[in-house]
């Protein structure tokens, strides 16, 4: 397998659809966060307000304890573990096992 990876960042290209999808996801995330914070700030939902205050306090404490790079690395590790767990669930649901431990799908 001979795959060449461009070293120069100016050679990196993504498709227009991928860029649109990325920025649409980013806009949706920012919009959802803005609406949650707006509802929490108005005070109509006390439980949401307390959740936001608690989350901001935890993030503030975490920021004082560890650097941003450390937190980003830990987040990346948790994301990888989450993706691994999702893939294991997908694999186990696709290939169920019998009680004797063998696969129910047989290869010819």
PDB file of N, CA and C in Angstrom:
ATOM      1  N   UNK A   1       0.854  -1.165   0.000  1.00  0.00           N
ATOM      2  CA  UNK A   1       0.000   0.000   0.000  1.00  0.00           C
ATOM      3  C   UNK A   1       0.904   1.233   0.000  1.00  0.00           C
ATOM      4  N   UNK A   2       0.820   2.027  -1.034  1.00  0.00           N
ATOM      5  CA  UNK A   2       1.663   3.197  -1.173  1.00  0.00           C
ATOM      6  C   UNK A   2       0.792   4.440  -1.092  1.00  0.00           C
ATOM      7  N   UNK A   3       0.772   5.072   0.082  1.00  0.00           N
ATOM      8  CA  UNK A   3      -0.051   6.258   0.306  1.00  0.00           C
ATOM      9  C   UNK A   3       0.885   7.416   0.608  1.00  0.00           C
ATOM     10  N   UNK A   4       0.761   8.489  -0.124  1.00  0.00           N
ATOM     11  CA  UNK A   4       1.584   9.660   0.141  1.00  0.00           C
ATOM     12  C   UNK A   4       0.755  10.669   0.924  1.00  0.00           C
ATOM     13  N   UNK A   5       1.344  11.175   1.985  1.00  0.00           N
ATOM     14  CA  UNK A   5       0.680  12.147   2.839  1.00  0.00           C
ATOM     15  C   UNK A   5       1.346  13.494   2.606  1.00  0.00           C
ATOM     16  N   UNK A   6       0.580  14.538   2.259  1.00  0.00           N
ATOM     17  CA  UNK A   6       1.209  15.838   2.036  1.00  0.00           C
ATOM     18  C   UNK A   6       1.765  16.406   3.337  1.00  0.00           C
ATOM     19  N   UNK A   7       2.992  16.911   3.253  1.00  0.00           N
ATOM     20  CA  UNK A   7       3.641  17.475   4.432  1.00  0.00           C
ATOM     21  C   UNK A   7       3.311  18.948   4.567  1.00  0.00           C
ATOM     22  N   UNK A   8       3.185  19.632   3.457  1.00  0.00           N
ATOM     23  CA  UNK A   8       2.904  21.053   3.466  1.00  0.00           C
ATOM     24  C   UNK A   8       1.420  21.291   3.773  1.00  0.00           C
ATOM     25  N   UNK A   9       1.102  22.066   4.829  1.00  0.00           N
ATOM     26  CA  UNK A   9      -0.318  22.308   5.152  1.00  0.00           C
ATOM     27  C   UNK A   9      -1.077  23.015   4.036  1.00  0.00           C
ATOM     28  N   UNK A  10      -0.381  23.723   3.149  1.00  0.00           N
ATOM     29  CA  UNK A  10      -1.081  24.380   2.048  1.00  0.00           C
ATOM     30  C   UNK A  10      -1.600  23.376   1.033  1.00  0.00           C
ATOM     31  N   UNK A  11      -1.063  22.156   1.039  1.00  0.00           N
ATOM     32  CA  UNK A  11      -1.517  21.121   0.122  1.00  0.00           C
ATOM     33  C   UNK A  11      -2.721  20.354   0.664  1.00  0.00           C
ATOM     34  N   UNK A  12      -3.030  20.514   1.945  1.00  0.00           N
ATOM     35  CA  UNK A  12      -4.162  19.811   2.533  1.00  0.00           C
ATOM     36  C   UNK A  12      -5.444  20.405   1.968  1.00  0.00           C
ATOM     37  N   UNK A  13      -6.339  19.541   1.547  1.00  0.00           N
ATOM     38  CA  UNK A  13      -7.598  20.011   1.001  1.00  0.00           C
ATOM     39  C   UNK A  13      -8.725  19.153   1.540  1.00  0.00           C
ATOM     40  N   UNK A  14      -9.855  19.801   1.789  1.00  0.00           N
ATOM     41  CA  UNK A  14     -11.061  19.072   2.148  1.00  0.00           C
ATOM     42  C   UNK A  14     -12.134  19.468   1.145  1.00  0.00           C
ATOM     43  N   UNK A  15     -13.108  18.622   0.999  1.00  0.00           N
ATOM     44  CA  UNK A  15     -14.167  18.908   0.030  1.00  0.00           C
ATOM     45  C   UNK A  15     -15.084  20.000   0.562  1.00  0.00           C
ATOM     46  N   UNK A  16     -15.806  20.596  -0.332  1.00  0.00           N
ATOM     47  CA  UNK A  16     -16.751  21.660   0.039  1.00  0.00           C
ATOM     48  C   UNK A  16     -17.847  21.097   0.938  1.00  0.00           C
ATOM     49  N   UNK A  17     -18.296  19.871   0.652  1.00  0.00           N
ATOM     50  CA  UNK A  17     -19.338  19.253   1.485  1.00  0.00           C
ATOM     51  C   UNK A  17     -18.844  19.011   2.898  1.00  0.00           C
ATOM     52  N   UNK A  18     -17.592  18.552   3.036  1.00  0.00           N
ATOM     53  CA  UNK A  18     -17.040  18.315   4.367  1.00  0.00           C
ATOM     54  C   UNK A  18     -16.917  19.615   5.139  1.00  0.00           C
ATOM     55  N   UNK A  19     -16.479  20.677   4.479  1.00  0.00           N
ATOM     56  CA  UNK A  19     -16.366  21.976   5.144  1.00  0.00           C
ATOM     57  C   UNK A  19     -17.735  22.494   5.561  1.00  0.00           C
ATOM     58  N   UNK A  20     -18.726  22.370   4.677  1.00  0.00           N
ATOM     59  CA  UNK A  20     -20.082  22.817   5.012  1.00  0.00           C
ATOM     60  C   UNK A  20     -20.654  22.031   6.180  1.00  0.00           C
ATOM     61  N   UNK A  21     -20.422  20.707   6.180  1.00  0.00           N
ATOM     62  CA  UNK A  21     -20.933  19.869   7.261  1.00  0.00           C
ATOM     63  C   UNK A  21     -20.268  20.230   8.601  1.00  0.00           C
ATOM     64  N   UNK A  22     -18.953  20.479   8.557  1.00  0.00           N
ATOM     65  CA  UNK A  22     -18.233  20.840   9.779  1.00  0.00           C
ATOM     66  C   UNK A  22     -18.761  22.150  10.355  1.00  0.00           C
ATOM     67  N   UNK A  23     -18.898  23.166   9.502  1.00  0.00           N
ATOM     68  CA  UNK A  23     -19.348  24.465  10.005  1.00  0.00           C
ATOM     69  C   UNK A  23     -20.825  24.459  10.382  1.00  0.00           C
ATOM     70  N   UNK A  24     -21.635  23.623   9.743  1.00  0.00           N
ATOM     71  CA  UNK A  24     -23.037  23.490  10.154  1.00  0.00           C
ATOM     72  C   UNK A  24     -23.126  22.851  11.533  1.00  0.00           C
ATOM     73  N   UNK A  25     -22.301  21.833  11.775  1.00  0.00           N
ATOM     74  CA  UNK A  25     -22.267  21.183  13.093  1.00  0.00           C
ATOM     75  C   UNK A  25     -21.790  22.169  14.156  1.00  0.00           C
ATOM     76  N   UNK A  26     -20.761  22.949  13.821  1.00  0.00           N
ATOM     77  CA  UNK A  26     -20.245  23.952  14.757  1.00  0.00           C
ATOM     78  C   UNK A  26     -21.306  25.003  15.062  1.00  0.00           C
ATOM     79  N   UNK A  27     -22.026  25.468  14.039  1.00  0.00           N
ATOM     80  CA  UNK A  27     -23.080  26.468  14.243  1.00  0.00           C
ATOM     81  C   UNK A  27     -24.208  25.906  15.093  1.00  0.00           C
ATOM     82  N   UNK A  28     -24.582  24.638  14.868  1.00  0.00           N
ATOM     83  CA  UNK A  28     -25.643  24.021  15.679  1.00  0.00           C
ATOM     84  C   UNK A  28     -25.220  23.890  17.133  1.00  0.00           C
ATOM     85  N   UNK A  29     -23.954  23.508  17.357  1.00  0.00           N
ATOM     86  CA  UNK A  29     -23.463  23.362  18.727  1.00  0.00           C
ATOM     87  C   UNK A  29     -23.447  24.701  19.447  1.00  0.00           C
ATOM     88  N   UNK A  30     -22.964  25.735  18.765  1.00  0.00           N
ATOM     89  CA  UNK A  30     -22.921  27.063  19.380  1.00  0.00           C
ATOM     90  C   UNK A  30     -24.330  27.579  19.626  1.00  0.00           C
ATOM     91  N   UNK A  31     -25.238  27.341  18.692  1.00  0.00           N
ATOM     92  CA  UNK A  31     -26.621  27.769  18.876  1.00  0.00           C
ATOM     93  C   UNK A  31     -27.299  27.067  20.036  1.00  0.00           C
ATOM     94  N   UNK A  32     -27.034  25.761  20.176  1.00  0.00           N
ATOM     95  CA  UNK A  32     -27.634  25.016  21.290  1.00  0.00           C
ATOM     96  C   UNK A  32     -27.070  25.512  22.623  1.00  0.00           C
ATOM     97  N   UNK A  33     -25.764  25.750  22.672  1.00  0.00           N
ATOM     98  CA  UNK A  33     -25.159  26.253  23.910  1.00  0.00           C
ATOM     99  C   UNK A  33     -25.700  27.634  24.245  1.00  0.00           C
ATOM    100  N   UNK A  34     -25.891  28.473  23.229  1.00  0.00           N
ATOM    101  CA  UNK A  34     -26.431  29.812  23.461  1.00  0.00           C
ATOM    102  C   UNK A  34     -27.853  29.742  24.011  1.00  0.00           C
ATOM    103  N   UNK A  35     -28.673  28.848  23.465  1.00  0.00           N
ATOM    104  CA  UNK A  35     -30.048  28.764  23.950  1.00  0.00           C
ATOM    105  C   UNK A  35     -30.108  28.222  25.373  1.00  0.00           C
ATOM    106  N   UNK A  36     -29.230  27.255  25.700  1.00  0.00           N
ATOM    107  CA  UNK A  36     -29.207  26.733  27.072  1.00  0.00           C
ATOM    108  C   UNK A  36     -28.787  27.824  28.043  1.00  0.00           C
ATOM    109  N   UNK A  37     -27.752  28.569  27.675  1.00  0.00           N
ATOM    110  CA  UNK A  37     -27.293  29.644  28.559  1.00  0.00           C
ATOM    111  C   UNK A  37     -28.329  30.757  28.667  1.00  0.00           C
ATOM    112  N   UNK A  38     -29.056  31.044  27.595  1.00  0.00           N
ATOM    113  CA  UNK A  38     -30.093  32.085  27.651  1.00  0.00           C
ATOM    114  C   UNK A  38     -31.224  31.669  28.584  1.00  0.00           C
ATOM    115  N   UNK A  39     -31.651  30.398  28.485  1.00  0.00           N
ATOM    116  CA  UNK A  39     -32.720  29.917  29.380  1.00  0.00           C
ATOM    117  C   UNK A  39     -32.238  29.906  30.823  1.00  0.00           C
ATOM    118  N   UNK A  40     -30.971  29.500  31.033  1.00  0.00           N
ATOM    119  CA  UNK A  40     -30.430  29.470  32.386  1.00  0.00           C
ATOM    120  C   UNK A  40     -30.305  30.881  32.954  1.00  0.00           C
ATOM    121  N   UNK A  41     -29.949  31.848  32.113  1.00  0.00           N
ATOM    122  CA  UNK A  41     -29.762  33.221  32.590  1.00  0.00           C
ATOM    123  C   UNK A  41     -31.086  33.890  32.933  1.00  0.00           C
ATOM    124  N   UNK A  42     -32.166  33.521  32.246  1.00  0.00           N
ATOM    125  CA  UNK A  42     -33.455  34.144  32.548  1.00  0.00           C
ATOM    126  C   UNK A  42     -34.005  33.671  33.884  1.00  0.00           C
ATOM    127  N   UNK A  43     -33.594  32.488  34.323  1.00  0.00           N
ATOM    128  CA  UNK A  43     -34.027  32.008  35.630  1.00  0.00           C
ATOM    129  C   UNK A  43     -35.340  31.262  35.606  1.00  0.00           C
ATOM    130  N   UNK A  44     -35.893  30.982  34.436  1.00  0.00           N
ATOM    131  CA  UNK A  44     -37.161  30.263  34.369  1.00  0.00           C
ATOM    132  C   UNK A  44     -37.000  28.804  34.796  1.00  0.00           C
ATOM    133  N   UNK A  45     -35.861  28.219  34.507  1.00  0.00           N
ATOM    134  CA  UNK A  45     -35.608  26.823  34.852  1.00  0.00           C
ATOM    135  C   UNK A  45     -34.493  26.776  35.891  1.00  0.00           C
ATOM    136  N   UNK A  46     -34.867  26.618  37.150  1.00  0.00           N
ATOM    137  CA  UNK A  46     -33.885  26.654  38.247  1.00  0.00           C
ATOM    138  C   UNK A  46     -32.918  25.483  38.195  1.00  0.00           C
ATOM    139  N   UNK A  47     -33.398  24.297  37.830  1.00  0.00           N
ATOM    140  CA  UNK A  47     -32.505  23.130  37.767  1.00  0.00           C
ATOM    141  C   UNK A  47     -31.449  23.306  36.678  1.00  0.00           C
ATOM    142  N   UNK A  48     -31.853  23.822  35.527  1.00  0.00           N
ATOM    143  CA  UNK A  48     -30.896  24.077  34.455  1.00  0.00           C
ATOM    144  C   UNK A  48     -29.877  25.123  34.890  1.00  0.00           C
ATOM    145  N   UNK A  49     -30.354  26.166  35.585  1.00  0.00           N
ATOM    146  CA  UNK A  49     -29.445  27.202  36.076  1.00  0.00           C
ATOM    147  C   UNK A  49     -28.404  26.605  37.021  1.00  0.00           C
ATOM    148  N   UNK A  50     -28.838  25.742  37.933  1.00  0.00           N
ATOM    149  CA  UNK A  50     -27.899  25.131  38.873  1.00  0.00           C
ATOM    150  C   UNK A  50     -26.929  24.191  38.161  1.00  0.00           C
ATOM    151  N   UNK A  51     -27.403  23.470  37.135  1.00  0.00           N
ATOM    152  CA  UNK A  51     -26.510  22.598  36.364  1.00  0.00           C
ATOM    153  C   UNK A  51     -25.441  23.411  35.650  1.00  0.00           C
ATOM    154  N   UNK A  52     -25.834  24.542  35.056  1.00  0.00           N
ATOM    155  CA  UNK A  52     -24.867  25.390  34.351  1.00  0.00           C
ATOM    156  C   UNK A  52     -23.854  25.966  35.324  1.00  0.00           C
ATOM    157  N   UNK A  53     -24.318  26.432  36.470  1.00  0.00           N
ATOM    158  CA  UNK A  53     -23.404  26.985  37.481  1.00  0.00           C
ATOM    159  C   UNK A  53     -22.439  25.904  37.959  1.00  0.00           C
ATOM    160  N   UNK A  54     -22.936  24.704  38.216  1.00  0.00           N
ATOM    161  CA  UNK A  54     -22.071  23.618  38.675  1.00  0.00           C
ATOM    162  C   UNK A  54     -21.053  23.238  37.604  1.00  0.00           C
ATOM    163  N   UNK A  55     -21.494  23.164  36.344  1.00  0.00           N
ATOM    164  CA  UNK A  55     -20.570  22.813  35.262  1.00  0.00           C
ATOM    165  C   UNK A  55     -19.493  23.879  35.095  1.00  0.00           C
ATOM    166  N   UNK A  56     -19.873  25.144  35.157  1.00  0.00           N
ATOM    167  CA  UNK A  56     -18.877  26.215  35.035  1.00  0.00           C
ATOM    168  C   UNK A  56     -17.905  26.216  36.211  1.00  0.00           C
ATOM    169  N   UNK A  57     -18.402  25.901  37.405  1.00  0.00           N
ATOM    170  CA  UNK A  57     -17.522  25.836  38.575  1.00  0.00           C
ATOM    171  C   UNK A  57     -16.519  24.691  38.429  1.00  0.00           C
ATOM    172  N   UNK A  58     -16.999  23.533  37.975  1.00  0.00           N
ATOM    173  CA  UNK A  58     -16.099  22.386  37.778  1.00  0.00           C
ATOM    174  C   UNK A  58     -15.054  22.704  36.712  1.00  0.00           C
ATOM    175  N   UNK A  59     -15.477  23.317  35.605  1.00  0.00           N
ATOM    176  CA  UNK A  59     -14.520  23.686  34.561  1.00  0.00           C
ATOM    177  C   UNK A  59     -13.513  24.714  35.066  1.00  0.00           C
ATOM    178  N   UNK A  60     -13.957  25.641  35.886  1.00  0.00           N
ATOM    179  CA  UNK A  60     -13.048  26.631  36.459  1.00  0.00           C
ATOM    180  C   UNK A  60     -12.034  25.971  37.380  1.00  0.00           C
ATOM    181  N   UNK A  61     -12.491  25.063  38.219  1.00  0.00           N
ATOM    182  CA  UNK A  61     -11.582  24.351  39.119  1.00  0.00           C
ATOM    183  C   UNK A  61     -10.600  23.494  38.340  1.00  0.00           C
ATOM    184  N   UNK A  62     -11.087  22.829  37.324  1.00  0.00           N
ATOM    185  CA  UNK A  62     -10.232  21.999  36.487  1.00  0.00           C
ATOM    186  C   UNK A  62      -9.188  22.844  35.760  1.00  0.00           C
ATOM    187  N   UNK A  63      -9.573  24.032  35.333  1.00  0.00           N
ATOM    188  CA  UNK A  63      -8.636  24.933  34.678  1.00  0.00           C
ATOM    189  C   UNK A  63      -7.549  25.430  35.603  1.00  0.00           C
ATOM    190  N   UNK A  64      -7.866  25.582  36.883  1.00  0.00           N
ATOM    191  CA  UNK A  64      -6.843  26.008  37.844  1.00  0.00           C
ATOM    192  C   UNK A  64      -5.881  24.871  38.165  1.00  0.00           C
ATOM    193  N   UNK A  65      -6.364  23.628  38.123  1.00  0.00           N
ATOM    194  CA  UNK A  65      -5.540  22.480  38.489  1.00  0.00           C
ATOM    195  C   UNK A  65      -4.623  22.066  37.347  1.00  0.00           C
ATOM    196  N   UNK A  66      -5.164  21.957  36.141  1.00  0.00           N
ATOM    197  CA  UNK A  66      -4.404  21.409  35.022  1.00  0.00           C
ATOM    198  C   UNK A  66      -4.356  22.418  33.877  1.00  0.00           C
ATOM    199  N   UNK A  67      -3.350  22.267  33.023  1.00  0.00           N
ATOM    200  CA  UNK A  67      -3.237  23.143  31.863  1.00  0.00           C
ATOM    201  C   UNK A  67      -4.246  22.735  30.796  1.00  0.00           C
ATOM    202  N   UNK A  68      -4.457  23.608  29.830  1.00  0.00           N
ATOM    203  CA  UNK A  68      -5.403  23.333  28.756  1.00  0.00           C
ATOM    204  C   UNK A  68      -4.991  22.154  27.902  1.00  0.00           C
ATOM    205  N   UNK A  69      -3.683  21.984  27.709  1.00  0.00           N
ATOM    206  CA  UNK A  69      -3.200  20.864  26.905  1.00  0.00           C
ATOM    207  C   UNK A  69      -3.514  19.543  27.595  1.00  0.00           C
ATOM    208  N   UNK A  70      -3.333  19.499  28.902  1.00  0.00           N
ATOM    209  CA  UNK A  70      -3.626  18.283  29.662  1.00  0.00           C
ATOM    210  C   UNK A  70      -5.112  17.933  29.583  1.00  0.00           C
ATOM    211  N   UNK A  71      -5.953  18.931  29.696  1.00  0.00           N
ATOM    212  CA  UNK A  71      -7.399  18.702  29.630  1.00  0.00           C
ATOM    213  C   UNK A  71      -7.802  18.243  28.231  1.00  0.00           C
ATOM    214  N   UNK A  72      -7.203  18.856  27.206  1.00  0.00           N
ATOM    215  CA  UNK A  72      -7.512  18.443  25.836  1.00  0.00           C
ATOM    216  C   UNK A  72      -7.063  17.008  25.593  1.00  0.00           C
ATOM    217  N   UNK A  73      -5.907  16.626  26.108  1.00  0.00           N
ATOM    218  CA  UNK A  73      -5.423  15.265  25.946  1.00  0.00           C
ATOM    219  C   UNK A  73      -6.331  14.269  26.670  1.00  0.00           C
ATOM    220  N   UNK A  74      -6.759  14.618  27.877  1.00  0.00           N
ATOM    221  CA  UNK A  74      -7.671  13.744  28.614  1.00  0.00           C
ATOM    222  C   UNK A  74      -9.004  13.611  27.870  1.00  0.00           C
ATOM    223  N   UNK A  75      -9.486  14.712  27.303  1.00  0.00           N
ATOM    224  CA  UNK A  75     -10.716  14.659  26.517  1.00  0.00           C
ATOM    225  C   UNK A  75     -10.576  13.772  25.302  1.00  0.00           C
ATOM    226  N   UNK A  76      -9.414  13.845  24.644  1.00  0.00           N
ATOM    227  CA  UNK A  76      -9.155  12.986  23.496  1.00  0.00           C
ATOM    228  C   UNK A  76      -9.128  11.516  23.910  1.00  0.00           C
ATOM    229  N   UNK A  77      -8.518  11.231  25.063  1.00  0.00           N
ATOM    230  CA  UNK A  77      -8.489   9.848  25.557  1.00  0.00           C
ATOM    231  C   UNK A  77      -9.896   9.334  25.843  1.00  0.00           C
ATOM    232  N   UNK A  78     -10.728  10.170  26.483  1.00  0.00           N
ATOM    233  CA  UNK A  78     -12.093   9.754  26.765  1.00  0.00           C
ATOM    234  C   UNK A  78     -12.897   9.572  25.481  1.00  0.00           C
ATOM    235  N   UNK A  79     -12.654  10.416  24.484  1.00  0.00           N
ATOM    236  CA  UNK A  79     -13.332  10.264  23.203  1.00  0.00           C
ATOM    237  C   UNK A  79     -12.950   8.941  22.541  1.00  0.00           C
ATOM    238  N   UNK A  80     -11.676   8.596  22.593  1.00  0.00           N
ATOM    239  CA  UNK A  80     -11.225   7.321  22.014  1.00  0.00           C
ATOM    240  C   UNK A  80     -11.850   6.136  22.743  1.00  0.00           C
ATOM    241  N   UNK A  81     -11.907   6.210  24.063  1.00  0.00           N
ATOM    242  CA  UNK A  81     -12.540   5.131  24.826  1.00  0.00           C
ATOM    243  C   UNK A  81     -14.024   5.009  24.499  1.00  0.00           C
ATOM    244  N   UNK A  82     -14.689   6.143  24.342  1.00  0.00           N
ATOM    245  CA  UNK A  82     -16.111   6.135  23.985  1.00  0.00           C
ATOM    246  C   UNK A  82     -16.314   5.501  22.613  1.00  0.00           C
ATOM    247  N   UNK A  83     -15.474   5.879  21.653  1.00  0.00           N
ATOM    248  CA  UNK A  83     -15.595   5.317  20.308  1.00  0.00           C
ATOM    249  C   UNK A  83     -15.304   3.828  20.317  1.00  0.00           C
ATOM    250  N   UNK A  84     -14.337   3.390  21.122  1.00  0.00           N
ATOM    251  CA  UNK A  84     -14.040   1.972  21.244  1.00  0.00           C
ATOM    252  C   UNK A  84     -15.231   1.215  21.819  1.00  0.00           C
ATOM    253  N   UNK A  85     -15.859   1.788  22.852  1.00  0.00           N
ATOM    254  CA  UNK A  85     -17.023   1.138  23.453  1.00  0.00           C
ATOM    255  C   UNK A  85     -18.177   1.060  22.458  1.00  0.00           C
ATOM    256  N   UNK A  86     -18.388   2.118  21.686  1.00  0.00           N
ATOM    257  CA  UNK A  86     -19.443   2.105  20.674  1.00  0.00           C
ATOM    258  C   UNK A  86     -19.173   1.032  19.621  1.00  0.00           C
ATOM    259  N   UNK A  87     -17.917   0.921  19.179  1.00  0.00           N
ATOM    260  CA  UNK A  87     -17.584  -0.077  18.172  1.00  0.00           C
ATOM    261  C   UNK A  87     -17.728  -1.489  18.724  1.00  0.00           C
ATOM    262  N   UNK A  88     -17.367  -1.709  19.975  1.00  0.00           N
ATOM    263  CA  UNK A  88     -17.521  -3.030  20.567  1.00  0.00           C
ATOM    264  C   UNK A  88     -18.987  -3.414  20.683  1.00  0.00           C
ATOM    265  N   UNK A  89     -19.836  -2.448  21.008  1.00  0.00           N
ATOM    266  CA  UNK A  89     -21.268  -2.724  21.067  1.00  0.00           C
ATOM    267  C   UNK A  89     -21.811  -3.034  19.683  1.00  0.00           C
ATOM    268  N   UNK A  90     -21.333  -2.324  18.663  1.00  0.00           N
ATOM    269  CA  UNK A  90     -21.770  -2.576  17.299  1.00  0.00           C
ATOM    270  C   UNK A  90     -21.340  -3.962  16.848  1.00  0.00           C
ATOM    271  N   UNK A  91     -20.119  -4.338  17.172  1.00  0.00           N
ATOM    272  CA  UNK A  91     -19.615  -5.654  16.779  1.00  0.00           C
ATOM    273  C   UNK A  91     -20.369  -6.751  17.514  1.00  0.00           C
ATOM    274  N   UNK A  92     -20.607  -6.570  18.807  1.00  0.00           N
ATOM    275  CA  UNK A  92     -21.296  -7.615  19.567  1.00  0.00           C
ATOM    276  C   UNK A  92     -22.755  -7.745  19.149  1.00  0.00           C
ATOM    277  N   UNK A  93     -23.383  -6.656  18.706  1.00  0.00           N
ATOM    278  CA  UNK A  93     -24.771  -6.760  18.253  1.00  0.00           C
ATOM    279  C   UNK A  93     -24.851  -7.364  16.857  1.00  0.00           C
ATOM    280  N   UNK A  94     -23.800  -7.198  16.056  1.00  0.00           N
ATOM    281  CA  UNK A  94     -23.807  -7.754  14.706  1.00  0.00           C
ATOM    282  C   UNK A  94     -23.496  -9.238  14.708  1.00  0.00           C
ATOM    283  N   UNK A  95     -22.617  -9.675  15.598  1.00  0.00           N
ATOM    284  CA  UNK A  95     -22.216 -11.079  15.676  1.00  0.00           C
ATOM    285  C   UNK A  95     -22.504 -11.616  17.074  1.00  0.00           C
ATOM    286  N   UNK A  96     -23.762 -11.961  17.359  1.00  0.00           N
ATOM    287  CA  UNK A  96     -24.081 -12.489  18.692  1.00  0.00           C
ATOM    288  C   UNK A  96     -23.419 -13.841  18.924  1.00  0.00           C
ATOM    289  N   UNK A  97     -23.095 -14.122  20.168  1.00  0.00           N
ATOM    290  CA  UNK A  97     -22.435 -15.378  20.529  1.00  0.00           C
ATOM    291  C   UNK A  97     -23.438 -16.336  21.155  1.00  0.00           C
ATOM    292  N   UNK A  98     -23.154 -17.633  20.966  1.00  0.00           N
ATOM    293  CA  UNK A  98     -23.967 -18.651  21.632  1.00  0.00           C
ATOM    294  C   UNK A  98     -23.492 -18.813  23.067  1.00  0.00           C
ATOM    295  N   UNK A  99     -24.193 -19.622  23.808  1.00  0.00           N
ATOM    296  CA  UNK A  99     -23.812 -19.841  25.199  1.00  0.00           C
ATOM    297  C   UNK A  99     -22.487 -20.579  25.329  1.00  0.00           C
ATOM    298  N   UNK A 100     -22.129 -21.373  24.332  1.00  0.00           N
ATOM    299  CA  UNK A 100     -20.870 -22.098  24.416  1.00  0.00           C
ATOM    300  C   UNK A 100     -19.680 -21.230  24.000  1.00  0.00           C
ATOM    301  N   UNK A 101     -19.930 -19.949  23.637  1.00  0.00           N
ATOM    302  CA  UNK A 101     -18.858 -19.020  23.340  1.00  0.00           C
ATOM    303  C   UNK A 101     -18.461 -18.932  21.884  1.00  0.00           C
ATOM    304  N   UNK A 102     -19.137 -19.680  21.004  1.00  0.00           N
ATOM    305  CA  UNK A 102     -18.795 -19.628  19.584  1.00  0.00           C
ATOM    306  C   UNK A 102     -19.700 -18.646  18.875  1.00  0.00           C
ATOM    307  N   UNK A 103     -19.271 -18.180  17.724  1.00  0.00           N
ATOM    308  CA  UNK A 103     -20.069 -17.256  16.930  1.00  0.00           C
ATOM    309  C   UNK A 103     -21.230 -17.988  16.288  1.00  0.00           C
ATOM    310  N   UNK A 104     -22.344 -17.280  16.108  1.00  0.00           N
ATOM    311  CA  UNK A 104     -23.489 -17.868  15.434  1.00  0.00           C
ATOM    312  C   UNK A 104     -23.353 -17.745  13.935  1.00  0.00           C
ATOM    313  N   UNK A 105     -22.518 -16.825  13.454  1.00  0.00           N
ATOM    314  CA  UNK A 105     -22.283 -16.653  12.026  1.00  0.00           C
ATOM    315  C   UNK A 105     -21.162 -17.600  11.603  1.00  0.00           C
ATOM    316  N   UNK A 106     -21.419 -18.396  10.592  1.00  0.00           N
ATOM    317  CA  UNK A 106     -20.412 -19.336  10.143  1.00  0.00           C
ATOM    318  C   UNK A 106     -19.856 -18.901   8.805  1.00  0.00           C
ATOM    319  N   UNK A 107     -18.539 -18.970   8.666  1.00  0.00           N
ATOM    320  CA  UNK A 107     -17.885 -18.651   7.422  1.00  0.00           C
ATOM    321  C   UNK A 107     -17.836 -19.878   6.541  1.00  0.00           C
ATOM    322  N   UNK A 108     -18.074 -19.698   5.235  1.00  0.00           N
ATOM    323  CA  UNK A 108     -17.995 -20.833   4.305  1.00  0.00           C
ATOM    324  C   UNK A 108     -16.627 -20.912   3.690  1.00  0.00           C
TER     325      UNK A 108
END
